C-alpha cells in the first residue's frame, strides 16, 4: 500500500466501511471547524478570550470551551452573539453531501 500524508485518505483507510465510525469522525471534524472559526475571528479582531467574553456578555471559560475542538455544544444563539460582537454576520448553509467546500456544511 502506498504511503500518503493526505489526512482524508488515511482516515478512509482506517475507517474502511464502518459507517458509524465515519459519522463520528464527521461530527468531530465539524466541531473542530467551528472552534477554529471562532478562534480565527477572535484573533483577527485582536481580542483575547476575556475581551470577547465581555463583549458577548459571558465568561472567559465559555469562550475557551467554544474554541475547544472537542466541544459539541455550539448554539446558534451564541455563535450569532459572537459574530455580532466581532462586527461580522453568521452564515449557515446547507450543501450537498460530498461537497467538501465550507467545512461546517458537511455536518450530518
Protein backbone atom coordinates (compact mmCIF):
# COMPACT_ATOMS: atom_id res chain seq x y z
CA UNK A 1 0.00 0.00 0.00
CA UNK A 2 1.41 3.41 -0.99
CA UNK A 3 2.31 5.86 1.76
CA UNK A 4 0.35 9.11 1.97
CA UNK A 5 0.25 12.22 4.12
CA UNK A 6 -3.29 13.09 3.00
CA UNK A 7 -5.36 13.02 6.21
CA UNK A 8 -8.59 12.21 4.39
CA UNK A 9 -7.04 9.21 2.64
CA UNK A 10 -5.57 7.99 5.91
CA UNK A 11 -8.97 8.27 7.60
CA UNK A 12 -10.60 6.35 4.75
CA UNK A 13 -8.08 3.53 5.23
CA UNK A 14 -8.66 3.44 8.98
CA UNK A 15 -12.46 3.58 8.87
CA UNK A 16 -12.96 1.27 5.93
CA UNK A 17 -16.67 0.51 5.54
CA UNK A 18 -17.56 1.40 9.16
CA UNK A 19 -20.35 3.96 8.61
CA UNK A 20 -20.77 4.65 12.33
CA UNK A 21 -17.07 5.46 12.74
CA UNK A 22 -17.15 7.71 9.66
CA UNK A 23 -20.13 9.62 11.14
CA UNK A 24 -18.30 10.11 14.44
CA UNK A 25 -15.29 11.49 12.57
CA UNK A 26 -17.54 13.88 10.63
CA UNK A 27 -19.02 15.17 13.90
CA UNK A 28 -15.56 15.70 15.39
CA UNK A 29 -14.39 17.45 12.23
CA UNK A 30 -17.40 19.76 12.36
CA UNK A 31 -16.72 20.69 16.00
CA UNK A 32 -13.08 21.39 15.22
CA UNK A 33 -14.10 23.55 12.25
CA UNK A 34 -16.47 25.70 14.33
CA UNK A 35 -13.86 26.05 17.09
CA UNK A 36 -11.25 27.13 14.54
CA UNK A 37 -13.64 29.70 13.01
CA UNK A 38 -14.31 31.26 16.42
CA UNK A 39 -10.60 31.32 17.28
CA UNK A 40 -9.63 32.85 13.92
CA UNK A 41 -12.32 35.53 14.06
CA UNK A 42 -11.35 36.45 17.62
CA UNK A 43 -7.61 36.61 16.96
CA UNK A 44 -8.07 38.52 13.68
CA UNK A 45 -10.06 41.07 15.70
CA UNK A 46 -7.08 41.30 18.08
CA UNK A 47 -9.11 40.20 21.08
CA UNK A 48 -8.27 37.94 23.99
CA UNK A 49 -10.79 35.36 25.14
CA UNK A 50 -11.55 37.61 28.13
CA UNK A 51 -12.20 40.63 25.89
CA UNK A 52 -14.52 38.66 23.60
CA UNK A 53 -16.33 37.23 26.62
CA UNK A 54 -17.00 40.75 27.90
CA UNK A 55 -18.33 41.86 24.50
CA UNK A 56 -20.58 38.81 24.26
CA UNK A 57 -21.77 39.03 27.87
CA UNK A 58 -20.30 35.76 29.08
CA UNK A 59 -17.21 34.50 30.91
CA UNK A 60 -13.74 33.67 29.52
CA UNK A 61 -14.07 29.91 30.25
CA UNK A 62 -17.15 29.86 27.99
CA UNK A 63 -15.11 31.28 25.10
CA UNK A 64 -12.30 28.79 25.81
CA UNK A 65 -14.85 25.95 25.68
CA UNK A 66 -16.24 27.22 22.36
CA UNK A 67 -12.71 27.27 20.92
CA UNK A 68 -12.10 23.67 22.04
CA UNK A 69 -12.22 21.30 19.04
CA UNK A 70 -13.85 18.61 21.22
CA UNK A 71 -16.76 20.83 22.31
CA UNK A 72 -20.05 19.87 20.64
CA UNK A 73 -22.47 22.33 22.28
CA UNK A 74 -22.22 25.29 19.91
CA UNK A 75 -25.57 27.06 19.91
CA UNK A 76 -26.71 29.25 17.06
CA UNK A 77 -27.59 31.95 19.58
CA UNK A 78 -24.06 32.05 20.98
CA UNK A 79 -22.49 31.92 17.53
CA UNK A 80 -24.69 34.85 16.49
CA UNK A 81 -23.69 36.80 19.62
CA UNK A 82 -20.01 36.21 18.83
CA UNK A 83 -20.45 37.28 15.20
CA UNK A 84 -22.25 40.44 16.28
CA UNK A 85 -19.56 41.25 18.87
CA UNK A 86 -16.91 40.87 16.16
CA UNK A 87 -18.92 43.04 13.73
CA UNK A 88 -19.49 40.09 11.42
CA UNK A 89 -22.50 38.16 10.25
CA UNK A 90 -23.08 34.48 10.83
CA UNK A 91 -23.73 32.48 7.66
CA UNK A 92 -25.12 28.97 7.71
CA UNK A 93 -25.70 26.96 4.57
CA UNK A 94 -26.87 23.53 3.54
CA UNK A 95 -24.62 21.88 0.98
CA UNK A 96 -24.93 18.60 -0.88
CA UNK A 97 -23.24 15.65 0.78
CA UNK A 98 -19.83 15.25 -0.78
CA UNK A 99 -19.35 19.00 -1.22
CA UNK A 100 -16.23 19.49 0.88
CA UNK A 101 -16.16 23.28 0.49
CA UNK A 102 -17.19 25.23 3.57
CA UNK A 103 -16.42 22.62 6.23
CA UNK A 104 -19.43 23.03 8.54
CA UNK A 105 -21.88 22.49 5.67
CA UNK A 106 -20.82 18.84 5.65
CA UNK A 107 -22.26 18.02 9.08
CA UNK A 108 -24.81 15.24 9.16
